[in-house]
Amino acid sequence: MTDHVYKKLELTGSSTTGIEGAVSNAIAKAAKTIHNMRWFEISEIRGEIDDGAIAHWQVSIKIGFTLDD
């Protein structure tokens, strides 16, 4: 088994449809420039309220990825 070194990046994704959508949006955006992503952890969940209803879900995540050799 090869030893790995990992780095964590913190992002906040948003979605009008829910928590999963917010996480998926953040990961999809990161995948355009970050490779070797291995896991994510949710660090914060919050939302925007507009006219008494949920307008956006906002989820802060940390993405772990391996560094290149």
N, C-alpha and C. Protein backbone atom coordinates (compact mmCIF):
# COMPACT_ATOMS: atom_id res chain seq x y z
N MET A 1 0.84 -1.19 0.00
CA MET A 1 0.00 0.00 0.00
C MET A 1 0.88 1.24 0.00
N THR A 2 0.56 2.17 -0.83
CA THR A 2 1.31 3.41 -0.94
C THR A 2 0.87 4.40 0.13
N ASP A 3 1.84 5.09 0.71
CA ASP A 3 1.51 6.15 1.66
C ASP A 3 1.03 7.37 0.89
N HIS A 4 0.03 8.06 1.40
CA HIS A 4 -0.52 9.24 0.74
C HIS A 4 -0.39 10.45 1.65
N VAL A 5 -0.32 11.61 1.03
CA VAL A 5 -0.42 12.87 1.74
C VAL A 5 -1.68 13.54 1.21
N TYR A 6 -2.51 14.03 2.12
CA TYR A 6 -3.79 14.63 1.76
C TYR A 6 -3.81 16.12 2.07
N LYS A 7 -4.64 16.83 1.33
CA LYS A 7 -4.88 18.24 1.58
C LYS A 7 -6.39 18.42 1.64
N LYS A 8 -6.85 19.38 2.47
CA LYS A 8 -8.28 19.67 2.56
C LYS A 8 -8.55 21.09 2.05
N LEU A 9 -9.64 21.20 1.32
CA LEU A 9 -10.08 22.47 0.75
C LEU A 9 -11.49 22.73 1.27
N GLU A 10 -11.77 23.95 1.70
CA GLU A 10 -13.10 24.28 2.20
C GLU A 10 -13.88 25.07 1.15
N LEU A 11 -15.11 24.64 0.91
CA LEU A 11 -15.99 25.27 -0.08
C LEU A 11 -17.39 25.43 0.51
N THR A 12 -18.17 26.33 -0.07
CA THR A 12 -19.58 26.44 0.27
C THR A 12 -20.38 26.38 -1.02
N GLY A 13 -21.26 25.39 -1.10
CA GLY A 13 -22.14 25.25 -2.26
C GLY A 13 -23.54 25.71 -1.88
N SER A 14 -24.31 26.09 -2.89
CA SER A 14 -25.69 26.50 -2.62
C SER A 14 -26.62 25.84 -3.64
N SER A 15 -27.88 25.73 -3.25
CA SER A 15 -28.89 25.12 -4.11
C SER A 15 -30.26 25.57 -3.66
N THR A 16 -31.17 25.68 -4.59
CA THR A 16 -32.57 25.99 -4.24
C THR A 16 -33.34 24.73 -3.89
N THR A 17 -32.76 23.55 -4.17
CA THR A 17 -33.51 22.30 -3.99
C THR A 17 -33.21 21.56 -2.70
N GLY A 18 -32.06 21.82 -2.04
CA GLY A 18 -31.78 21.14 -0.79
C GLY A 18 -30.31 20.96 -0.49
N ILE A 19 -30.04 20.26 0.61
CA ILE A 19 -28.68 20.06 1.08
C ILE A 19 -27.86 19.25 0.09
N GLU A 20 -28.42 18.14 -0.40
CA GLU A 20 -27.68 17.30 -1.36
C GLU A 20 -27.30 18.08 -2.60
N GLY A 21 -28.19 18.91 -3.09
CA GLY A 21 -27.90 19.73 -4.26
C GLY A 21 -26.77 20.70 -4.01
N ALA A 22 -26.75 21.29 -2.82
CA ALA A 22 -25.68 22.23 -2.48
C ALA A 22 -24.33 21.54 -2.43
N VAL A 23 -24.29 20.34 -1.82
CA VAL A 23 -23.04 19.57 -1.77
C VAL A 23 -22.62 19.17 -3.17
N SER A 24 -23.55 18.67 -3.96
CA SER A 24 -23.24 18.24 -5.33
C SER A 24 -22.72 19.39 -6.18
N ASN A 25 -23.31 20.57 -6.03
CA ASN A 25 -22.85 21.74 -6.79
C ASN A 25 -21.42 22.11 -6.43
N ALA A 26 -21.09 22.08 -5.14
CA ALA A 26 -19.73 22.41 -4.70
C ALA A 26 -18.72 21.39 -5.24
N ILE A 27 -19.05 20.11 -5.16
CA ILE A 27 -18.14 19.06 -5.63
C ILE A 27 -17.98 19.12 -7.14
N ALA A 28 -19.06 19.33 -7.86
CA ALA A 28 -18.99 19.41 -9.33
C ALA A 28 -18.11 20.57 -9.78
N LYS A 29 -18.24 21.71 -9.12
CA LYS A 29 -17.42 22.87 -9.47
C LYS A 29 -15.95 22.60 -9.16
N ALA A 30 -15.67 22.01 -7.99
CA ALA A 30 -14.28 21.71 -7.61
C ALA A 30 -13.66 20.69 -8.56
N ALA A 31 -14.46 19.74 -9.04
CA ALA A 31 -13.94 18.68 -9.93
C ALA A 31 -13.41 19.22 -11.25
N LYS A 32 -13.78 20.44 -11.60
CA LYS A 32 -13.28 21.04 -12.84
C LYS A 32 -11.80 21.41 -12.75
N THR A 33 -11.30 21.64 -11.51
CA THR A 33 -9.91 22.07 -11.37
C THR A 33 -9.11 21.23 -10.36
N ILE A 34 -9.78 20.49 -9.50
CA ILE A 34 -9.11 19.68 -8.49
C ILE A 34 -9.26 18.21 -8.87
N HIS A 35 -8.16 17.46 -8.85
CA HIS A 35 -8.26 16.03 -9.12
C HIS A 35 -7.82 15.24 -7.88
N ASN A 36 -8.03 13.95 -7.92
CA ASN A 36 -7.71 13.04 -6.81
C ASN A 36 -8.55 13.31 -5.56
N MET A 37 -9.78 13.83 -5.75
CA MET A 37 -10.66 14.05 -4.59
C MET A 37 -11.06 12.69 -4.03
N ARG A 38 -11.05 12.55 -2.70
CA ARG A 38 -11.31 11.27 -2.05
C ARG A 38 -12.52 11.28 -1.12
N TRP A 39 -12.79 12.39 -0.43
CA TRP A 39 -13.91 12.43 0.53
C TRP A 39 -14.36 13.86 0.75
N PHE A 40 -15.51 13.98 1.37
CA PHE A 40 -15.97 15.30 1.83
C PHE A 40 -16.57 15.14 3.21
N GLU A 41 -16.53 16.22 3.96
CA GLU A 41 -17.18 16.27 5.26
C GLU A 41 -17.96 17.57 5.36
N ILE A 42 -19.15 17.50 5.89
CA ILE A 42 -19.99 18.69 6.04
C ILE A 42 -19.62 19.39 7.33
N SER A 43 -19.33 20.69 7.24
CA SER A 43 -18.94 21.43 8.43
C SER A 43 -20.01 22.43 8.88
N GLU A 44 -20.90 22.82 7.98
CA GLU A 44 -21.92 23.80 8.35
C GLU A 44 -23.08 23.74 7.36
N ILE A 45 -24.29 23.88 7.87
CA ILE A 45 -25.49 23.96 7.02
C ILE A 45 -26.25 25.20 7.42
N ARG A 46 -26.63 25.98 6.44
CA ARG A 46 -27.42 27.18 6.70
C ARG A 46 -28.27 27.47 5.46
N GLY A 47 -29.11 28.46 5.54
CA GLY A 47 -29.95 28.77 4.40
C GLY A 47 -30.33 30.24 4.36
N GLU A 48 -30.85 30.60 3.22
CA GLU A 48 -31.34 31.96 3.01
C GLU A 48 -32.86 31.92 3.03
N ILE A 49 -33.46 32.84 3.75
CA ILE A 49 -34.91 32.93 3.82
C ILE A 49 -35.35 34.16 3.04
N ASP A 50 -36.34 33.96 2.18
CA ASP A 50 -36.88 35.07 1.40
C ASP A 50 -38.40 35.01 1.48
N ASP A 51 -39.00 36.06 1.99
CA ASP A 51 -40.46 36.17 2.09
C ASP A 51 -41.06 34.99 2.87
N GLY A 52 -40.37 34.59 3.97
CA GLY A 52 -40.90 33.55 4.83
C GLY A 52 -40.70 32.13 4.34
N ALA A 53 -39.92 31.94 3.28
CA ALA A 53 -39.69 30.59 2.74
C ALA A 53 -38.20 30.41 2.46
N ILE A 54 -37.77 29.14 2.41
CA ILE A 54 -36.37 28.85 2.10
C ILE A 54 -36.11 29.19 0.64
N ALA A 55 -35.13 30.07 0.41
CA ALA A 55 -34.76 30.46 -0.94
C ALA A 55 -33.55 29.66 -1.43
N HIS A 56 -32.57 29.46 -0.57
CA HIS A 56 -31.37 28.70 -0.91
C HIS A 56 -30.88 27.93 0.31
N TRP A 57 -30.37 26.74 0.07
CA TRP A 57 -29.62 25.99 1.07
C TRP A 57 -28.16 26.29 0.82
N GLN A 58 -27.39 26.48 1.88
CA GLN A 58 -25.95 26.73 1.78
C GLN A 58 -25.24 25.72 2.67
N VAL A 59 -24.31 24.95 2.10
CA VAL A 59 -23.61 23.91 2.84
C VAL A 59 -22.11 24.11 2.68
N SER A 60 -21.42 24.26 3.80
CA SER A 60 -19.96 24.35 3.77
C SER A 60 -19.40 22.94 3.95
N ILE A 61 -18.47 22.58 3.08
CA ILE A 61 -17.86 21.25 3.12
C ILE A 61 -16.34 21.37 3.05
N LYS A 62 -15.68 20.35 3.51
CA LYS A 62 -14.24 20.21 3.33
C LYS A 62 -14.04 19.01 2.43
N ILE A 63 -13.27 19.19 1.37
CA ILE A 63 -12.97 18.12 0.43
C ILE A 63 -11.53 17.69 0.65
N GLY A 64 -11.33 16.39 0.82
CA GLY A 64 -9.97 15.85 0.96
C GLY A 64 -9.51 15.28 -0.37
N PHE A 65 -8.28 15.59 -0.73
CA PHE A 65 -7.72 15.03 -1.97
C PHE A 65 -6.25 14.71 -1.76
N THR A 66 -5.76 13.77 -2.55
CA THR A 66 -4.36 13.37 -2.45
C THR A 66 -3.50 14.29 -3.30
N LEU A 67 -2.30 14.56 -2.81
CA LEU A 67 -1.34 15.36 -3.56
C LEU A 67 -0.60 14.48 -4.54
N ASP A 68 -0.24 15.03 -5.67
CA ASP A 68 0.53 14.28 -6.68
C ASP A 68 1.92 13.95 -6.14
N ASP A 69 2.46 12.84 -6.63
CA ASP A 69 3.83 12.46 -6.26
C ASP A 69 4.84 13.33 -6.96
